[in-house]
Amino acid sequence: MRKLIDCRDHPSETRCTLVLIGEEEEVLRAAAEHAVSAHGRTDGPELRAQLRRSLRNETPQPA
């Protein structure tokens, strides 16, 4: 099952609306890169754990 993470679940001053969807590890990697580049966070085990807790299962859209 694909996972998603949505920046709107973590309100910020930038009002970011990015949503990442994919396999768990690729979403975590992209979310960490985004958190560093767009939100000034520091990558590390604490950030990765926080992001992992924020992952949700993707709800497939009807065809």
C-alpha atoms as a PDB file:
ATOM      1  CA  MET A   1       0.000   0.000   0.000  1.00  0.00           C
ATOM      2  CA  ARG A   2       1.320   3.426  -0.929  1.00  0.00           C
ATOM      3  CA  LYS A   3       1.796   6.028   1.802  1.00  0.00           C
ATOM      4  CA  LEU A   4       1.195   9.759   1.854  1.00  0.00           C
ATOM      5  CA  ILE A   5       2.295  12.732   3.878  1.00  0.00           C
ATOM      6  CA  ASP A   6       0.585  16.123   3.662  1.00  0.00           C
ATOM      7  CA  CYS A   7       2.251  19.390   4.715  1.00  0.00           C
ATOM      8  CA  ARG A   8      -1.176  20.798   5.591  1.00  0.00           C
ATOM      9  CA  ASP A   9      -1.155  18.442   8.593  1.00  0.00           C
ATOM     10  CA  HIS A  10       1.796  20.470   9.915  1.00  0.00           C
ATOM     11  CA  PRO A  11       0.797  24.135   9.628  1.00  0.00           C
ATOM     12  CA  SER A  12       3.681  26.496   8.993  1.00  0.00           C
ATOM     13  CA  GLU A  13       4.273  30.139   8.202  1.00  0.00           C
ATOM     14  CA  THR A  14       4.715  29.243   4.531  1.00  0.00           C
ATOM     15  CA  ARG A  15       1.237  27.656   4.341  1.00  0.00           C
ATOM     16  CA  CYS A  16       2.713  24.781   2.403  1.00  0.00           C
ATOM     17  CA  THR A  17       0.243  22.492   0.637  1.00  0.00           C
ATOM     18  CA  LEU A  18       2.617  19.833  -0.692  1.00  0.00           C
ATOM     19  CA  VAL A  19       1.380  16.225  -0.649  1.00  0.00           C
ATOM     20  CA  LEU A  20       3.798  13.353  -1.296  1.00  0.00           C
ATOM     21  CA  ILE A  21       2.528   9.890  -2.226  1.00  0.00           C
ATOM     22  CA  GLY A  22       4.514   6.746  -2.940  1.00  0.00           C
ATOM     23  CA  GLU A  23       6.296   3.847  -1.327  1.00  0.00           C
ATOM     24  CA  GLU A  24       7.083   4.486   2.343  1.00  0.00           C
ATOM     25  CA  GLU A  25      10.851   4.931   2.057  1.00  0.00           C
ATOM     26  CA  GLU A  26      10.666   7.202  -0.983  1.00  0.00           C
ATOM     27  CA  VAL A  27       8.040   9.394   0.699  1.00  0.00           C
ATOM     28  CA  LEU A  28      10.168   9.630   3.847  1.00  0.00           C
ATOM     29  CA  ARG A  29      13.250  10.555   1.830  1.00  0.00           C
ATOM     30  CA  ALA A  30      11.404  13.209  -0.197  1.00  0.00           C
ATOM     31  CA  ALA A  31       9.610  14.574   2.874  1.00  0.00           C
ATOM     32  CA  ALA A  32      12.900  14.939   4.755  1.00  0.00           C
ATOM     33  CA  GLU A  33      14.486  16.742   1.799  1.00  0.00           C
ATOM     34  CA  HIS A  34      11.454  19.029   1.580  1.00  0.00           C
ATOM     35  CA  ALA A  35      11.438  19.717   5.322  1.00  0.00           C
ATOM     36  CA  VAL A  36      15.075  20.805   5.126  1.00  0.00           C
ATOM     37  CA  SER A  37      14.888  22.873   1.935  1.00  0.00           C
ATOM     38  CA  ALA A  38      11.457  24.476   2.349  1.00  0.00           C
ATOM     39  CA  HIS A  39      10.994  24.610   6.114  1.00  0.00           C
ATOM     40  CA  GLY A  40      14.525  24.965   7.471  1.00  0.00           C
ATOM     41  CA  ARG A  41      14.409  21.749   9.489  1.00  0.00           C
ATOM     42  CA  THR A  42      17.509  19.710  10.271  1.00  0.00           C
ATOM     43  CA  ASP A  43      17.555  16.179   8.888  1.00  0.00           C
ATOM     44  CA  GLY A  44      18.254  13.441  11.382  1.00  0.00           C
ATOM     45  CA  PRO A  45      16.687  10.567  13.309  1.00  0.00           C
ATOM     46  CA  GLU A  46      14.241  12.814  15.195  1.00  0.00           C
ATOM     47  CA  LEU A  47      12.878  14.403  12.017  1.00  0.00           C
ATOM     48  CA  ARG A  48      12.642  11.021  10.269  1.00  0.00           C
ATOM     49  CA  ALA A  49      10.745   9.540  13.235  1.00  0.00           C
ATOM     50  CA  GLN A  50       8.341  12.490  13.259  1.00  0.00           C
ATOM     51  CA  LEU A  51       7.746  12.129   9.530  1.00  0.00           C
ATOM     52  CA  ARG A  52       7.238   8.364   9.842  1.00  0.00           C
ATOM     53  CA  ARG A  53       4.524   8.983  12.469  1.00  0.00           C
ATOM     54  CA  SER A  54       2.817  11.379  10.040  1.00  0.00           C
ATOM     55  CA  LEU A  55       2.508   8.832   7.222  1.00  0.00           C
ATOM     56  CA  ARG A  56      -0.968   7.692   6.253  1.00  0.00           C
ATOM     57  CA  ASN A  57      -2.185   5.023   3.881  1.00  0.00           C
ATOM     58  CA  GLU A  58      -3.223   6.384   0.503  1.00  0.00           C
ATOM     59  CA  THR A  59      -6.953   6.114  -0.133  1.00  0.00           C
ATOM     60  CA  PRO A  60      -7.306   4.966  -3.738  1.00  0.00           C
ATOM     61  CA  GLN A  61      -9.643   7.107  -5.841  1.00  0.00           C
ATOM     62  CA  PRO A  62     -12.422   5.316  -7.723  1.00  0.00           C
ATOM     63  CA  ALA A  63     -11.724   4.833 -11.420  1.00  0.00           C
END
